[in-house]
PDB file of N, CA and C in Angstrom:
ATOM      1  N   MET A   1      57.120  54.978 -40.682  1.00  0.00           N
ATOM      2  CA  MET A   1      55.698  55.194 -40.482  1.00  0.00           C
ATOM      3  C   MET A   1      54.955  55.195 -41.824  1.00  0.00           C
ATOM      4  N   ASN A   2      55.522  55.859 -42.818  1.00  0.00           N
ATOM      5  CA  ASN A   2      54.905  55.918 -44.146  1.00  0.00           C
ATOM      6  C   ASN A   2      54.824  54.539 -44.781  1.00  0.00           C
ATOM      7  N   GLU A   3      55.853  53.725 -44.593  1.00  0.00           N
ATOM      8  CA  GLU A   3      55.864  52.391 -45.189  1.00  0.00           C
ATOM      9  C   GLU A   3      54.764  51.501 -44.606  1.00  0.00           C
ATOM     10  N   LYS A   4      54.497  51.646 -43.317  1.00  0.00           N
ATOM     11  CA  LYS A   4      53.431  50.872 -42.689  1.00  0.00           C
ATOM     12  C   LYS A   4      52.072  51.282 -43.249  1.00  0.00           C
ATOM     13  N   LEU A   5      51.868  52.576 -43.446  1.00  0.00           N
ATOM     14  CA  LEU A   5      50.596  53.047 -43.997  1.00  0.00           C
ATOM     15  C   LEU A   5      50.392  52.540 -45.420  1.00  0.00           C
ATOM     16  N   VAL A   6      51.448  52.530 -46.205  1.00  0.00           N
ATOM     17  CA  VAL A   6      51.354  52.022 -47.572  1.00  0.00           C
ATOM     18  C   VAL A   6      51.036  50.527 -47.551  1.00  0.00           C
ATOM     19  N   ALA A   7      51.657  49.781 -46.671  1.00  0.00           N
ATOM     20  CA  ALA A   7      51.403  48.346 -46.570  1.00  0.00           C
ATOM     21  C   ALA A   7      49.962  48.084 -46.142  1.00  0.00           C
ATOM     22  N   TYR A   8      49.482  48.794 -45.128  1.00  0.00           N
ATOM     23  CA  TYR A   8      48.094  48.640 -44.688  1.00  0.00           C
ATOM     24  C   TYR A   8      47.113  49.048 -45.787  1.00  0.00           C
ATOM     25  N   GLY A   9      47.431  50.110 -46.493  1.00  0.00           N
ATOM     26  CA  GLY A   9      46.578  50.555 -47.598  1.00  0.00           C
ATOM     27  C   GLY A   9      46.518  49.519 -48.706  1.00  0.00           C
ATOM     28  N   ALA A  10      47.656  48.889 -49.013  1.00  0.00           N
ATOM     29  CA  ALA A  10      47.686  47.857 -50.049  1.00  0.00           C
ATOM     30  C   ALA A  10      46.869  46.639 -49.628  1.00  0.00           C
ATOM     31  N   ILE A  11      46.972  46.262 -48.380  1.00  0.00           N
ATOM     32  CA  ILE A  11      46.191  45.128 -47.879  1.00  0.00           C
ATOM     33  C   ILE A  11      44.701  45.450 -47.917  1.00  0.00           C
ATOM     34  N   ALA A  12      44.334  46.646 -47.487  1.00  0.00           N
ATOM     35  CA  ALA A  12      42.927  47.052 -47.513  1.00  0.00           C
ATOM     36  C   ALA A  12      42.403  47.100 -48.952  1.00  0.00           C
ATOM     37  N   ALA A  13      43.198  47.610 -49.876  1.00  0.00           N
ATOM     38  CA  ALA A  13      42.783  47.672 -51.279  1.00  0.00           C
ATOM     39  C   ALA A  13      42.603  46.265 -51.840  1.00  0.00           C
ATOM     40  N   ALA A  14      43.497  45.355 -51.492  1.00  0.00           N
ATOM     41  CA  ALA A  14      43.380  43.975 -51.969  1.00  0.00           C
ATOM     42  C   ALA A  14      42.110  43.320 -51.433  1.00  0.00           C
ATOM     43  N   ILE A  15      41.785  43.559 -50.183  1.00  0.00           N
ATOM     44  CA  ILE A  15      40.571  42.990 -49.589  1.00  0.00           C
ATOM     45  C   ILE A  15      39.327  43.553 -50.272  1.00  0.00           C
ATOM     46  N   ILE A  16      39.321  44.849 -50.525  1.00  0.00           N
ATOM     47  CA  ILE A  16      38.180  45.476 -51.187  1.00  0.00           C
ATOM     48  C   ILE A  16      38.001  44.925 -52.599  1.00  0.00           C
ATOM     49  N   VAL A  17      39.092  44.785 -53.342  1.00  0.00           N
ATOM     50  CA  VAL A  17      39.013  44.246 -54.702  1.00  0.00           C
ATOM     51  C   VAL A  17      38.510  42.807 -54.676  1.00  0.00           C
ATOM     52  N   MET A  18      39.004  42.004 -53.757  1.00  0.00           N
ATOM     53  CA  MET A  18      38.590  40.602 -53.684  1.00  0.00           C
ATOM     54  C   MET A  18      37.102  40.480 -53.354  1.00  0.00           C
ATOM     55  N   THR A  19      36.613  41.287 -52.423  1.00  0.00           N
ATOM     56  CA  THR A  19      35.213  41.150 -52.017  1.00  0.00           C
ATOM     57  C   THR A  19      34.237  41.720 -53.032  1.00  0.00           C
ATOM     58  N   THR A  20      34.663  42.675 -53.830  1.00  0.00           N
ATOM     59  CA  THR A  20      33.731  43.282 -54.783  1.00  0.00           C
ATOM     60  C   THR A  20      33.833  42.715 -56.191  1.00  0.00           C
ATOM     61  N   ILE A  21      34.968  42.162 -56.557  1.00  0.00           N
ATOM     62  CA  ILE A  21      35.147  41.698 -57.933  1.00  0.00           C
ATOM     63  C   ILE A  21      35.306  40.185 -58.020  1.00  0.00           C
ATOM     64  N   VAL A  22      36.197  39.602 -57.262  1.00  0.00           N
ATOM     65  CA  VAL A  22      36.538  38.184 -57.423  1.00  0.00           C
ATOM     66  C   VAL A  22      35.485  37.259 -56.831  1.00  0.00           C
ATOM     67  N   PHE A  23      35.079  37.459 -55.583  1.00  0.00           N
ATOM     68  CA  PHE A  23      34.170  36.524 -54.918  1.00  0.00           C
ATOM     69  C   PHE A  23      32.809  36.418 -55.595  1.00  0.00           C
ATOM     70  N   PRO A  24      32.179  37.506 -56.071  1.00  0.00           N
ATOM     71  CA  PRO A  24      30.893  37.329 -56.766  1.00  0.00           C
ATOM     72  C   PRO A  24      31.004  36.473 -58.021  1.00  0.00           C
ATOM     73  N   PHE A  25      32.082  36.582 -58.766  1.00  0.00           N
ATOM     74  CA  PHE A  25      32.247  35.785 -59.975  1.00  0.00           C
ATOM     75  C   PHE A  25      32.604  34.337 -59.666  1.00  0.00           C
ATOM     76  N   TRP A  26      33.105  34.075 -58.490  1.00  0.00           N
ATOM     77  CA  TRP A  26      33.470  32.713 -58.102  1.00  0.00           C
ATOM     78  C   TRP A  26      32.245  31.801 -58.160  1.00  0.00           C
ATOM     79  N   ASN A  27      31.056  32.336 -57.806  1.00  0.00           N
ATOM     80  CA  ASN A  27      29.838  31.529 -57.827  1.00  0.00           C
ATOM     81  C   ASN A  27      29.338  31.264 -59.229  1.00  0.00           C
ATOM     82  N   LEU A  28      29.845  31.973 -60.223  1.00  0.00           N
ATOM     83  CA  LEU A  28      29.433  31.745 -61.599  1.00  0.00           C
ATOM     84  C   LEU A  28      30.179  30.588 -62.252  1.00  0.00           C
ATOM     85  N   ILE A  29      31.274  30.170 -61.649  1.00  0.00           N
ATOM     86  CA  ILE A  29      32.045  29.042 -62.174  1.00  0.00           C
ATOM     87  C   ILE A  29      31.317  27.760 -61.763  1.00  0.00           C
ATOM     88  N   PRO A  30      30.866  26.955 -62.712  1.00  0.00           N
ATOM     89  CA  PRO A  30      30.070  25.779 -62.356  1.00  0.00           C
ATOM     90  C   PRO A  30      30.878  24.685 -61.656  1.00  0.00           C
ATOM     91  N   THR A  31      30.209  24.009 -60.760  1.00  0.00           N
ATOM     92  CA  THR A  31      30.751  22.833 -60.104  1.00  0.00           C
ATOM     93  C   THR A  31      29.861  21.665 -60.523  1.00  0.00           C
ATOM     94  N   MET A  32      30.296  20.958 -61.542  1.00  0.00           N
ATOM     95  CA  MET A  32      29.468  19.901 -62.116  1.00  0.00           C
ATOM     96  C   MET A  32      29.556  18.625 -61.284  1.00  0.00           C
ATOM     97  N   VAL A  33      28.394  18.008 -61.092  1.00  0.00           N
ATOM     98  CA  VAL A  33      28.280  16.753 -60.361  1.00  0.00           C
ATOM     99  C   VAL A  33      27.561  15.760 -61.265  1.00  0.00           C
ATOM    100  N   THR A  34      28.074  14.558 -61.361  1.00  0.00           N
ATOM    101  CA  THR A  34      27.422  13.503 -62.131  1.00  0.00           C
ATOM    102  C   THR A  34      26.775  12.542 -61.150  1.00  0.00           C
ATOM    103  N   GLU A  35      25.498  12.302 -61.371  1.00  0.00           N
ATOM    104  CA  GLU A  35      24.731  11.527 -60.405  1.00  0.00           C
ATOM    105  C   GLU A  35      23.721  10.636 -61.123  1.00  0.00           C
ATOM    106  N   LYS A  36      23.384   9.538 -60.495  1.00  0.00           N
ATOM    107  CA  LYS A  36      22.351   8.652 -61.024  1.00  0.00           C
ATOM    108  C   LYS A  36      21.000   9.191 -60.563  1.00  0.00           C
ATOM    109  N   MET A  37      20.058   9.326 -61.507  1.00  0.00           N
ATOM    110  CA  MET A  37      18.745   9.874 -61.171  1.00  0.00           C
ATOM    111  C   MET A  37      17.638   9.150 -61.918  1.00  0.00           C
ATOM    112  N   LYS A  38      16.425   9.353 -61.459  1.00  0.00           N
ATOM    113  CA  LYS A  38      15.255   8.671 -62.010  1.00  0.00           C
ATOM    114  C   LYS A  38      14.499   9.623 -62.939  1.00  0.00           C
ATOM    115  N   VAL A  39      14.161   9.141 -64.131  1.00  0.00           N
ATOM    116  CA  VAL A  39      13.423   9.946 -65.114  1.00  0.00           C
ATOM    117  C   VAL A  39      11.965  10.040 -64.671  1.00  0.00           C
ATOM    118  N   VAL A  40      11.443  11.285 -64.609  1.00  0.00           N
ATOM    119  CA  VAL A  40      10.058  11.483 -64.200  1.00  0.00           C
ATOM    120  C   VAL A  40       9.195  12.044 -65.334  1.00  0.00           C
ATOM    121  N   TYR A  41       9.828  12.536 -66.404  1.00  0.00           N
ATOM    122  CA  TYR A  41       9.068  13.098 -67.527  1.00  0.00           C
ATOM    123  C   TYR A  41       9.933  13.071 -68.780  1.00  0.00           C
ATOM    124  N   VAL A  42       9.343  12.749 -69.919  1.00  0.00           N
ATOM    125  CA  VAL A  42      10.065  12.712 -71.200  1.00  0.00           C
ATOM    126  C   VAL A  42       9.224  13.421 -72.253  1.00  0.00           C
ATOM    127  N   GLU A  43       9.901  14.301 -73.032  1.00  0.00           N
ATOM    128  CA  GLU A  43       9.227  14.972 -74.141  1.00  0.00           C
ATOM    129  C   GLU A  43      10.251  15.407 -75.177  1.00  0.00           C
ATOM    130  N   ASP A  44      10.054  14.994 -76.427  1.00  0.00           N
ATOM    131  CA  ASP A  44      10.902  15.389 -77.564  1.00  0.00           C
ATOM    132  C   ASP A  44      12.387  15.132 -77.333  1.00  0.00           C
ATOM    133  N   GLY A  45      12.737  13.986 -76.803  1.00  0.00           N
ATOM    134  CA  GLY A  45      14.137  13.639 -76.606  1.00  0.00           C
ATOM    135  C   GLY A  45      14.799  14.335 -75.433  1.00  0.00           C
ATOM    136  N   LYS A  46      14.028  15.023 -74.615  1.00  0.00           N
ATOM    137  CA  LYS A  46      14.540  15.702 -73.419  1.00  0.00           C
ATOM    138  C   LYS A  46      13.870  15.075 -72.202  1.00  0.00           C
ATOM    139  N   CYS A  47      14.673  14.812 -71.189  1.00  0.00           N
ATOM    140  CA  CYS A  47      14.149  14.196 -69.970  1.00  0.00           C
ATOM    141  C   CYS A  47      14.166  15.182 -68.815  1.00  0.00           C
ATOM    142  N   THR A  48      13.246  14.979 -67.907  1.00  0.00           N
ATOM    143  CA  THR A  48      13.267  15.642 -66.612  1.00  0.00           C
ATOM    144  C   THR A  48      13.492  14.531 -65.605  1.00  0.00           C
ATOM    145  N   ALA A  49      14.526  14.692 -64.781  1.00  0.00           N
ATOM    146  CA  ALA A  49      14.894  13.627 -63.853  1.00  0.00           C
ATOM    147  C   ALA A  49      14.961  14.168 -62.430  1.00  0.00           C
ATOM    148  N   GLN A  50      14.825  13.262 -61.484  1.00  0.00           N
ATOM    149  CA  GLN A  50      14.847  13.614 -60.071  1.00  0.00           C
ATOM    150  C   GLN A  50      16.023  12.923 -59.404  1.00  0.00           C
ATOM    151  N   THR A  51      16.809  13.709 -58.641  1.00  0.00           N
ATOM    152  CA  THR A  51      17.949  13.150 -57.919  1.00  0.00           C
ATOM    153  C   THR A  51      17.456  12.388 -56.690  1.00  0.00           C
ATOM    154  N   VAL A  52      18.365  11.735 -56.017  1.00  0.00           N
ATOM    155  CA  VAL A  52      18.032  10.957 -54.834  1.00  0.00           C
ATOM    156  C   VAL A  52      17.440  11.849 -53.737  1.00  0.00           C
ATOM    157  N   ASP A  53      17.929  13.094 -53.640  1.00  0.00           N
ATOM    158  CA  ASP A  53      17.427  13.998 -52.601  1.00  0.00           C
ATOM    159  C   ASP A  53      16.246  14.856 -53.071  1.00  0.00           C
ATOM    160  N   GLY A  54      15.660  14.542 -54.221  1.00  0.00           N
ATOM    161  CA  GLY A  54      14.437  15.192 -54.658  1.00  0.00           C
ATOM    162  C   GLY A  54      14.603  16.415 -55.534  1.00  0.00           C
ATOM    163  N   TYR A  55      15.805  16.734 -55.955  1.00  0.00           N
ATOM    164  CA  TYR A  55      16.044  17.898 -56.816  1.00  0.00           C
ATOM    165  C   TYR A  55      15.716  17.529 -58.260  1.00  0.00           C
ATOM    166  N   ILE A  56      14.999  18.398 -58.970  1.00  0.00           N
ATOM    167  CA  ILE A  56      14.577  18.141 -60.342  1.00  0.00           C
ATOM    168  C   ILE A  56      15.566  18.779 -61.314  1.00  0.00           C
ATOM    169  N   ILE A  57      16.052  17.990 -62.266  1.00  0.00           N
ATOM    170  CA  ILE A  57      16.933  18.458 -63.333  1.00  0.00           C
ATOM    171  C   ILE A  57      16.131  18.400 -64.626  1.00  0.00           C
ATOM    172  N   ARG A  58      16.070  19.510 -65.351  1.00  0.00           N
ATOM    173  CA  ARG A  58      15.267  19.583 -66.571  1.00  0.00           C
ATOM    174  C   ARG A  58      16.141  19.599 -67.819  1.00  0.00           C
ATOM    175  N   ASN A  59      15.532  19.245 -68.945  1.00  0.00           N
ATOM    176  CA  ASN A  59      16.134  19.331 -70.279  1.00  0.00           C
ATOM    177  C   ASN A  59      17.428  18.545 -70.426  1.00  0.00           C
ATOM    178  N   ILE A  60      17.414  17.328 -69.967  1.00  0.00           N
ATOM    179  CA  ILE A  60      18.547  16.425 -70.154  1.00  0.00           C
ATOM    180  C   ILE A  60      18.309  15.665 -71.457  1.00  0.00           C
ATOM    181  N   PRO A  61      19.233  15.737 -72.412  1.00  0.00           N
ATOM    182  CA  PRO A  61      19.037  14.946 -73.630  1.00  0.00           C
ATOM    183  C   PRO A  61      19.139  13.451 -73.312  1.00  0.00           C
ATOM    184  N   CYS A  62      18.102  12.708 -73.669  1.00  0.00           N
ATOM    185  CA  CYS A  62      18.139  11.271 -73.384  1.00  0.00           C
ATOM    186  C   CYS A  62      17.100  10.538 -74.226  1.00  0.00           C
ATOM    187  N   THR A  63      17.201   9.227 -74.212  1.00  0.00           N
ATOM    188  CA  THR A  63      16.246   8.368 -74.915  1.00  0.00           C
ATOM    189  C   THR A  63      15.576   7.408 -73.933  1.00  0.00           C
ATOM    190  N   ALA A  64      15.593   7.740 -72.661  1.00  0.00           N
ATOM    191  CA  ALA A  64      15.036   6.861 -71.630  1.00  0.00           C
ATOM    192  C   ALA A  64      13.519   6.991 -71.552  1.00  0.00           C
ATOM    193  N   LYS A  65      12.927   6.113 -70.783  1.00  0.00           N
ATOM    194  CA  LYS A  65      11.488   6.135 -70.539  1.00  0.00           C
ATOM    195  C   LYS A  65      11.249   6.543 -69.088  1.00  0.00           C
ATOM    196  N   ILE A  66      10.028   6.941 -68.804  1.00  0.00           N
ATOM    197  CA  ILE A  66       9.670   7.326 -67.434  1.00  0.00           C
ATOM    198  C   ILE A  66       9.904   6.137 -66.501  1.00  0.00           C
ATOM    199  N   GLY A  67      10.598   6.412 -65.397  1.00  0.00           N
ATOM    200  CA  GLY A  67      10.910   5.372 -64.424  1.00  0.00           C
ATOM    201  C   GLY A  67      12.298   4.787 -64.576  1.00  0.00           C
ATOM    202  N   ASP A  68      12.950   5.022 -65.725  1.00  0.00           N
ATOM    203  CA  ASP A  68      14.317   4.526 -65.929  1.00  0.00           C
ATOM    204  C   ASP A  68      15.302   5.341 -65.100  1.00  0.00           C
ATOM    205  N   ASN A  69      16.411   4.723 -64.783  1.00  0.00           N
ATOM    206  CA  ASN A  69      17.506   5.423 -64.116  1.00  0.00           C
ATOM    207  C   ASN A  69      18.536   5.818 -65.167  1.00  0.00           C
ATOM    208  N   ILE A  70      18.978   7.084 -65.096  1.00  0.00           N
ATOM    209  CA  ILE A  70      20.009   7.589 -66.004  1.00  0.00           C
ATOM    210  C   ILE A  70      21.102   8.251 -65.179  1.00  0.00           C
ATOM    211  N   THR A  71      22.222   8.484 -65.811  1.00  0.00           N
ATOM    212  CA  THR A  71      23.313   9.223 -65.187  1.00  0.00           C
ATOM    213  C   THR A  71      23.436  10.542 -65.924  1.00  0.00           C
ATOM    214  N   ALA A  72      23.391  11.643 -65.174  1.00  0.00           N
ATOM    215  CA  ALA A  72      23.462  12.970 -65.781  1.00  0.00           C
ATOM    216  C   ALA A  72      24.278  13.901 -64.899  1.00  0.00           C
ATOM    217  N   SER A  73      24.770  14.974 -65.507  1.00  0.00           N
ATOM    218  CA  SER A  73      25.548  15.981 -64.791  1.00  0.00           C
ATOM    219  C   SER A  73      24.744  17.258 -64.648  1.00  0.00           C
ATOM    220  N   TYR A  74      24.955  17.949 -63.530  1.00  0.00           N
ATOM    221  CA  TYR A  74      24.314  19.241 -63.292  1.00  0.00           C
ATOM    222  C   TYR A  74      25.214  20.087 -62.399  1.00  0.00           C
ATOM    223  N   ASP A  75      24.928  21.390 -62.368  1.00  0.00           N
ATOM    224  CA  ASP A  75      25.705  22.329 -61.566  1.00  0.00           C
ATOM    225  C   ASP A  75      25.156  22.339 -60.145  1.00  0.00           C
ATOM    226  N   VAL A  76      25.941  21.905 -59.195  1.00  0.00           N
ATOM    227  CA  VAL A  76      25.490  21.803 -57.809  1.00  0.00           C
ATOM    228  C   VAL A  76      25.286  23.189 -57.194  1.00  0.00           C
ATOM    229  N   LYS A  77      25.957  24.222 -57.703  1.00  0.00           N
ATOM    230  CA  LYS A  77      25.777  25.577 -57.166  1.00  0.00           C
ATOM    231  C   LYS A  77      24.379  26.102 -57.479  1.00  0.00           C
ATOM    232  N   VAL A  78      23.827  25.747 -58.625  1.00  0.00           N
ATOM    233  CA  VAL A  78      22.459  26.150 -58.960  1.00  0.00           C
ATOM    234  C   VAL A  78      21.487  25.482 -57.992  1.00  0.00           C
ATOM    235  N   LYS A  79      21.737  24.228 -57.699  1.00  0.00           N
ATOM    236  CA  LYS A  79      20.904  23.488 -56.753  1.00  0.00           C
ATOM    237  C   LYS A  79      20.922  24.170 -55.380  1.00  0.00           C
ATOM    238  N   ASP A  80      22.087  24.553 -54.911  1.00  0.00           N
ATOM    239  CA  ASP A  80      22.207  25.219 -53.620  1.00  0.00           C
ATOM    240  C   ASP A  80      21.498  26.561 -53.598  1.00  0.00           C
ATOM    241  N   ARG A  81      21.625  27.332 -54.688  1.00  0.00           N
ATOM    242  CA  ARG A  81      20.969  28.642 -54.755  1.00  0.00           C
ATOM    243  C   ARG A  81      19.459  28.492 -54.769  1.00  0.00           C
ATOM    244  N   GLU A  82      18.929  27.525 -55.477  1.00  0.00           N
ATOM    245  CA  GLU A  82      17.482  27.327 -55.527  1.00  0.00           C
ATOM    246  C   GLU A  82      16.924  26.910 -54.168  1.00  0.00           C
ATOM    247  N   ARG A  83      17.670  26.150 -53.419  1.00  0.00           N
ATOM    248  CA  ARG A  83      17.203  25.712 -52.097  1.00  0.00           C
ATOM    249  C   ARG A  83      17.184  26.869 -51.099  1.00  0.00           C
ATOM    250  N   LYS A  84      18.030  27.888 -51.298  1.00  0.00           N
ATOM    251  CA  LYS A  84      18.082  29.032 -50.387  1.00  0.00           C
ATOM    252  C   LYS A  84      16.929  30.005 -50.624  1.00  0.00           C
ATOM    253  N   ILE A  85      16.323  29.920 -51.808  1.00  0.00           N
ATOM    254  CA  ILE A  85      15.242  30.869 -52.139  1.00  0.00           C
ATOM    255  C   ILE A  85      13.979  30.515 -51.414  1.00  0.00           C
TER     256      ILE A  85
END
């Protein structure tokens, strides 16, 4: 009987640790996506570009002109969080 309680307690403790410590930090690990996008604004060697689905990526280092297509990487988790707000 005691061994079962210890096993259940260990499982419950593991679940509590995972939900309070590990899972919140999981969203901080970036998931980078490289995508072709259209430049909509340029200033001082930094571009603002728009993805195919309308998401704006700012401060991309580039030498392109407005209307050019570039390939850039961004964190897709940030995109998802902004859409939920």
